Amino acid sequence: MAQAHEPRRFNSTEHLASEAVAAFADGELRMAAYLRAARHIAECPECAAEVDAQQQARAALKESGDVSMPTSLLGLLSQIPMCEPQASAKEDAERRRRVIVTSVVGLRRRRR
């Protein structure tokens, strides 16, 4: 007759990862993981305090209202280029020339 597999128990030195604390507070854990975390939180005051702090932070963010941005910051952000500047045609040609010269010099050295 097979014995029932008892869920893994956390040792007193093990704690929930910060990602697990946030997922627990946000209700994003699957049921089995939620139950394991809830059992650990019931036994571990440190993790219980972290979950409580996460829930308080979440509530504070929800109640904080809309975020506003100073127009001066918006102006500065709009000046940031969306992509890296393209090399000029002259720079491209110079880079290609250096590659060719380096290749030719390497071939000559191998022939000697």
N, C-alpha and C. Protein backbone atom coordinates (compact mmCIF):
# COMPACT_ATOMS: atom_id res chain seq x y z
N MET A 1 0.83 -1.18 0.00
CA MET A 1 0.00 0.00 0.00
C MET A 1 0.88 1.25 0.00
N ALA A 2 0.62 2.18 -0.90
CA ALA A 2 1.44 3.39 -1.04
C ALA A 2 1.11 4.40 0.05
N GLN A 3 2.14 5.04 0.54
CA GLN A 3 1.93 6.07 1.55
C GLN A 3 1.57 7.38 0.86
N ALA A 4 0.74 8.14 1.52
CA ALA A 4 0.39 9.46 0.98
C ALA A 4 1.62 10.36 1.06
N HIS A 5 1.88 11.06 -0.01
CA HIS A 5 3.03 11.96 -0.07
C HIS A 5 2.68 13.25 0.64
N GLU A 6 3.39 13.53 1.71
CA GLU A 6 3.12 14.76 2.47
C GLU A 6 3.83 15.92 1.79
N PRO A 7 3.18 17.08 1.68
CA PRO A 7 3.82 18.23 1.03
C PRO A 7 5.11 18.61 1.74
N ARG A 8 6.04 19.11 0.99
CA ARG A 8 7.33 19.54 1.52
C ARG A 8 7.10 20.66 2.52
N ARG A 9 7.76 20.57 3.64
CA ARG A 9 7.63 21.61 4.66
C ARG A 9 8.87 22.50 4.61
N PHE A 10 8.67 23.77 4.82
CA PHE A 10 9.78 24.71 4.84
C PHE A 10 10.53 24.58 6.16
N ASN A 11 11.83 24.67 6.10
CA ASN A 11 12.62 24.75 7.32
C ASN A 11 12.54 26.17 7.84
N SER A 12 12.88 26.34 9.09
CA SER A 12 12.79 27.67 9.68
C SER A 12 13.76 28.65 9.04
N THR A 13 14.81 28.15 8.40
CA THR A 13 15.80 29.03 7.77
C THR A 13 15.42 29.39 6.34
N GLU A 14 14.39 28.75 5.79
CA GLU A 14 13.97 29.04 4.42
C GLU A 14 12.87 30.10 4.44
N HIS A 15 12.92 30.98 3.47
CA HIS A 15 11.91 32.02 3.37
C HIS A 15 11.41 32.11 1.94
N LEU A 16 10.27 32.73 1.78
CA LEU A 16 9.72 32.92 0.44
C LEU A 16 10.58 33.93 -0.32
N ALA A 17 10.80 33.66 -1.58
CA ALA A 17 11.51 34.61 -2.43
C ALA A 17 10.65 35.86 -2.59
N SER A 18 11.28 36.98 -2.89
CA SER A 18 10.53 38.23 -3.02
C SER A 18 9.48 38.13 -4.13
N GLU A 19 9.80 37.36 -5.19
CA GLU A 19 8.82 37.17 -6.27
C GLU A 19 7.60 36.40 -5.77
N ALA A 20 7.84 35.42 -4.90
CA ALA A 20 6.73 34.64 -4.34
C ALA A 20 5.89 35.48 -3.40
N VAL A 21 6.53 36.35 -2.64
CA VAL A 21 5.80 37.25 -1.74
C VAL A 21 4.88 38.15 -2.55
N ALA A 22 5.41 38.74 -3.62
CA ALA A 22 4.61 39.64 -4.46
C ALA A 22 3.48 38.87 -5.14
N ALA A 23 3.77 37.67 -5.64
CA ALA A 23 2.74 36.88 -6.30
C ALA A 23 1.66 36.46 -5.31
N PHE A 24 2.05 36.14 -4.09
CA PHE A 24 1.07 35.78 -3.05
C PHE A 24 0.18 36.98 -2.75
N ALA A 25 0.79 38.13 -2.53
CA ALA A 25 0.03 39.34 -2.20
C ALA A 25 -0.90 39.76 -3.34
N ASP A 26 -0.48 39.50 -4.58
CA ASP A 26 -1.28 39.87 -5.75
C ASP A 26 -2.27 38.79 -6.15
N GLY A 27 -2.26 37.65 -5.46
CA GLY A 27 -3.17 36.57 -5.78
C GLY A 27 -2.85 35.89 -7.11
N GLU A 28 -1.57 35.83 -7.46
CA GLU A 28 -1.17 35.29 -8.76
C GLU A 28 -0.62 33.87 -8.69
N LEU A 29 -0.59 33.27 -7.49
CA LEU A 29 -0.06 31.91 -7.37
C LEU A 29 -1.14 30.89 -7.70
N ARG A 30 -0.71 29.76 -8.28
CA ARG A 30 -1.64 28.64 -8.49
C ARG A 30 -2.01 28.10 -7.12
N MET A 31 -3.09 27.35 -7.06
CA MET A 31 -3.63 26.91 -5.77
C MET A 31 -2.62 26.14 -4.93
N ALA A 32 -1.90 25.18 -5.51
CA ALA A 32 -0.94 24.39 -4.73
C ALA A 32 0.16 25.28 -4.15
N ALA A 33 0.69 26.18 -4.98
CA ALA A 33 1.73 27.09 -4.52
C ALA A 33 1.18 28.06 -3.48
N TYR A 34 -0.04 28.52 -3.68
CA TYR A 34 -0.68 29.42 -2.73
C TYR A 34 -0.82 28.74 -1.36
N LEU A 35 -1.26 27.49 -1.37
CA LEU A 35 -1.45 26.77 -0.10
C LEU A 35 -0.12 26.53 0.61
N ARG A 36 0.93 26.18 -0.15
CA ARG A 36 2.26 26.02 0.47
C ARG A 36 2.74 27.34 1.06
N ALA A 37 2.58 28.42 0.31
CA ALA A 37 3.02 29.73 0.80
C ALA A 37 2.21 30.15 2.02
N ALA A 38 0.91 29.93 1.98
CA ALA A 38 0.05 30.31 3.11
C ALA A 38 0.45 29.54 4.37
N ARG A 39 0.76 28.25 4.21
CA ARG A 39 1.19 27.45 5.35
C ARG A 39 2.50 28.00 5.91
N HIS A 40 3.43 28.35 5.01
CA HIS A 40 4.71 28.90 5.46
C HIS A 40 4.51 30.25 6.15
N ILE A 41 3.68 31.11 5.56
CA ILE A 41 3.43 32.44 6.13
C ILE A 41 2.82 32.33 7.52
N ALA A 42 1.97 31.33 7.72
CA ALA A 42 1.36 31.12 9.03
C ALA A 42 2.39 30.75 10.09
N GLU A 43 3.51 30.15 9.66
CA GLU A 43 4.54 29.70 10.60
C GLU A 43 5.74 30.63 10.67
N CYS A 44 5.85 31.58 9.73
CA CYS A 44 7.06 32.40 9.64
C CYS A 44 6.71 33.89 9.77
N PRO A 45 6.98 34.48 10.92
CA PRO A 45 6.64 35.89 11.11
C PRO A 45 7.36 36.83 10.14
N GLU A 46 8.59 36.46 9.73
CA GLU A 46 9.33 37.33 8.81
C GLU A 46 8.63 37.40 7.45
N CYS A 47 8.24 36.25 6.92
CA CYS A 47 7.56 36.23 5.62
C CYS A 47 6.17 36.84 5.72
N ALA A 48 5.51 36.62 6.87
CA ALA A 48 4.18 37.23 7.07
C ALA A 48 4.30 38.75 7.04
N ALA A 49 5.37 39.28 7.64
CA ALA A 49 5.58 40.73 7.64
C ALA A 49 5.87 41.23 6.23
N GLU A 50 6.64 40.45 5.45
CA GLU A 50 6.93 40.85 4.07
C GLU A 50 5.66 40.88 3.22
N VAL A 51 4.80 39.87 3.40
CA VAL A 51 3.54 39.84 2.66
C VAL A 51 2.67 41.02 3.07
N ASP A 52 2.61 41.32 4.36
CA ASP A 52 1.83 42.45 4.84
C ASP A 52 2.35 43.76 4.25
N ALA A 53 3.68 43.93 4.22
CA ALA A 53 4.27 45.14 3.64
C ALA A 53 3.97 45.24 2.15
N GLN A 54 4.01 44.11 1.45
CA GLN A 54 3.70 44.10 0.02
C GLN A 54 2.24 44.49 -0.21
N GLN A 55 1.35 43.97 0.61
CA GLN A 55 -0.07 44.30 0.47
C GLN A 55 -0.33 45.78 0.79
N GLN A 56 0.38 46.31 1.78
CA GLN A 56 0.23 47.74 2.10
C GLN A 56 0.76 48.61 0.95
N ALA A 57 1.89 48.23 0.37
CA ALA A 57 2.45 48.98 -0.75
C ALA A 57 1.51 48.94 -1.94
N ARG A 58 0.94 47.78 -2.20
CA ARG A 58 -0.01 47.62 -3.31
C ARG A 58 -1.23 48.53 -3.10
N ALA A 59 -1.76 48.54 -1.87
CA ALA A 59 -2.92 49.39 -1.56
C ALA A 59 -2.56 50.87 -1.70
N ALA A 60 -1.38 51.25 -1.23
CA ALA A 60 -0.95 52.65 -1.33
C ALA A 60 -0.83 53.09 -2.78
N LEU A 61 -0.31 52.22 -3.64
CA LEU A 61 -0.20 52.56 -5.06
C LEU A 61 -1.57 52.70 -5.70
N LYS A 62 -2.50 51.83 -5.33
CA LYS A 62 -3.84 51.92 -5.89
C LYS A 62 -4.53 53.21 -5.48
N GLU A 63 -4.28 53.65 -4.25
CA GLU A 63 -4.93 54.85 -3.73
C GLU A 63 -4.22 56.14 -4.12
N SER A 64 -3.03 56.04 -4.70
CA SER A 64 -2.22 57.23 -4.96
C SER A 64 -2.75 58.09 -6.10
N GLY A 65 -3.62 57.56 -6.92
CA GLY A 65 -4.17 58.35 -8.02
C GLY A 65 -3.24 58.38 -9.22
N ASP A 66 -3.57 59.26 -10.14
CA ASP A 66 -2.80 59.37 -11.37
C ASP A 66 -1.43 59.98 -11.11
N VAL A 67 -0.50 59.55 -11.89
CA VAL A 67 0.86 60.09 -11.81
C VAL A 67 0.96 61.21 -12.82
N SER A 68 1.51 62.33 -12.39
CA SER A 68 1.68 63.44 -13.32
C SER A 68 3.17 63.63 -13.59
N MET A 69 3.45 64.20 -14.73
CA MET A 69 4.82 64.43 -15.14
C MET A 69 5.00 65.91 -15.45
N PRO A 70 6.02 66.53 -14.88
CA PRO A 70 6.26 67.93 -15.21
C PRO A 70 6.51 68.08 -16.72
N THR A 71 6.01 69.14 -17.29
CA THR A 71 6.19 69.34 -18.73
C THR A 71 7.66 69.48 -19.11
N SER A 72 8.48 69.98 -18.19
CA SER A 72 9.91 70.10 -18.49
C SER A 72 10.54 68.71 -18.66
N LEU A 73 10.11 67.75 -17.86
CA LEU A 73 10.62 66.39 -18.00
C LEU A 73 10.13 65.77 -19.30
N LEU A 74 8.88 66.00 -19.62
CA LEU A 74 8.34 65.47 -20.87
C LEU A 74 9.11 66.03 -22.06
N GLY A 75 9.46 67.31 -22.01
CA GLY A 75 10.24 67.92 -23.08
C GLY A 75 11.63 67.30 -23.21
N LEU A 76 12.27 67.06 -22.06
CA LEU A 76 13.60 66.43 -22.08
C LEU A 76 13.53 65.01 -22.62
N LEU A 77 12.53 64.27 -22.21
CA LEU A 77 12.38 62.89 -22.67
C LEU A 77 12.11 62.82 -24.17
N SER A 78 11.38 63.80 -24.68
CA SER A 78 11.06 63.78 -26.11
C SER A 78 12.29 64.07 -26.97
N GLN A 79 13.36 64.58 -26.37
CA GLN A 79 14.58 64.87 -27.12
C GLN A 79 15.52 63.66 -27.21
N ILE A 80 15.21 62.59 -26.50
CA ILE A 80 16.05 61.39 -26.55
C ILE A 80 15.80 60.70 -27.88
N PRO A 81 16.86 60.39 -28.62
CA PRO A 81 16.67 59.72 -29.92
C PRO A 81 16.01 58.35 -29.72
N MET A 82 15.17 57.97 -30.67
CA MET A 82 14.47 56.70 -30.60
C MET A 82 15.37 55.54 -30.99
N CYS A 83 16.45 55.80 -31.75
CA CYS A 83 17.37 54.75 -32.15
C CYS A 83 18.76 55.37 -32.24
N GLU A 84 19.74 54.50 -32.40
CA GLU A 84 21.11 54.99 -32.52
C GLU A 84 21.26 55.76 -33.83
N PRO A 85 22.01 56.83 -33.79
CA PRO A 85 22.22 57.57 -35.03
C PRO A 85 22.95 56.70 -36.05
N GLN A 86 22.56 56.83 -37.28
CA GLN A 86 23.18 56.07 -38.37
C GLN A 86 24.54 56.67 -38.69
N ALA A 87 25.49 55.79 -38.99
CA ALA A 87 26.80 56.27 -39.40
C ALA A 87 26.66 56.95 -40.76
N SER A 88 27.43 57.98 -40.95
CA SER A 88 27.37 58.67 -42.23
C SER A 88 27.94 57.78 -43.32
N ALA A 89 27.61 58.08 -44.56
CA ALA A 89 28.12 57.31 -45.69
C ALA A 89 29.64 57.32 -45.70
N LYS A 90 30.23 58.47 -45.32
CA LYS A 90 31.69 58.59 -45.30
C LYS A 90 32.29 57.65 -44.25
N GLU A 91 31.68 57.60 -43.06
CA GLU A 91 32.17 56.71 -42.01
C GLU A 91 32.02 55.25 -42.42
N ASP A 92 30.90 54.92 -43.07
CA ASP A 92 30.68 53.55 -43.57
C ASP A 92 31.76 53.16 -44.57
N ALA A 93 32.04 54.04 -45.50
CA ALA A 93 33.05 53.77 -46.53
C ALA A 93 34.42 53.58 -45.89
N GLU A 94 34.75 54.40 -44.91
CA GLU A 94 36.03 54.30 -44.23
C GLU A 94 36.14 52.98 -43.47
N ARG A 95 35.07 52.57 -42.80
CA ARG A 95 35.08 51.31 -42.08
C ARG A 95 35.26 50.13 -43.04
N ARG A 96 34.56 50.14 -44.18
CA ARG A 96 34.70 49.08 -45.19
C ARG A 96 36.14 49.05 -45.74
N ARG A 97 36.71 50.23 -45.99
CA ARG A 97 38.08 50.31 -46.51
C ARG A 97 39.06 49.69 -45.53
N ARG A 98 38.89 49.98 -44.21
CA ARG A 98 39.79 49.41 -43.20
C ARG A 98 39.67 47.89 -43.16
N VAL A 99 38.47 47.37 -43.29
CA VAL A 99 38.27 45.92 -43.29
C VAL A 99 38.97 45.29 -44.49
N ILE A 100 38.83 45.90 -45.64
CA ILE A 100 39.47 45.37 -46.86
C ILE A 100 40.98 45.41 -46.73
N VAL A 101 41.52 46.54 -46.28
CA VAL A 101 42.97 46.68 -46.13
C VAL A 101 43.49 45.65 -45.13
N THR A 102 42.81 45.48 -44.02
CA THR A 102 43.22 44.50 -43.01
C THR A 102 43.21 43.10 -43.60
N SER A 103 42.20 42.77 -44.38
CA SER A 103 42.12 41.45 -45.01
C SER A 103 43.25 41.24 -46.00
N VAL A 104 43.53 42.22 -46.84
CA VAL A 104 44.59 42.12 -47.84
C VAL A 104 45.95 41.97 -47.14
N VAL A 105 46.19 42.75 -46.11
CA VAL A 105 47.46 42.67 -45.39
C VAL A 105 47.60 41.28 -44.77
N GLY A 106 46.53 40.75 -44.22
CA GLY A 106 46.57 39.41 -43.64
C GLY A 106 46.87 38.35 -44.68
N LEU A 107 46.28 38.47 -45.86
CA LEU A 107 46.54 37.50 -46.94
C LEU A 107 48.00 37.57 -47.38
N ARG A 108 48.55 38.76 -47.52
CA ARG A 108 49.94 38.93 -47.93
C ARG A 108 50.89 38.29 -46.91
N ARG A 109 50.60 38.47 -45.65
CA ARG A 109 51.47 37.91 -44.60
C ARG A 109 51.45 36.39 -44.64
N ARG A 110 50.29 35.81 -44.93
CA ARG A 110 50.19 34.35 -44.99
C ARG A 110 50.96 33.77 -46.17
N ARG A 111 51.06 34.52 -47.27
CA ARG A 111 51.75 34.04 -48.46
C ARG A 111 53.25 34.04 -48.27
N ARG A 112 53.77 34.86 -47.41
CA ARG A 112 55.24 34.97 -47.21
C ARG A 112 55.78 33.82 -46.50
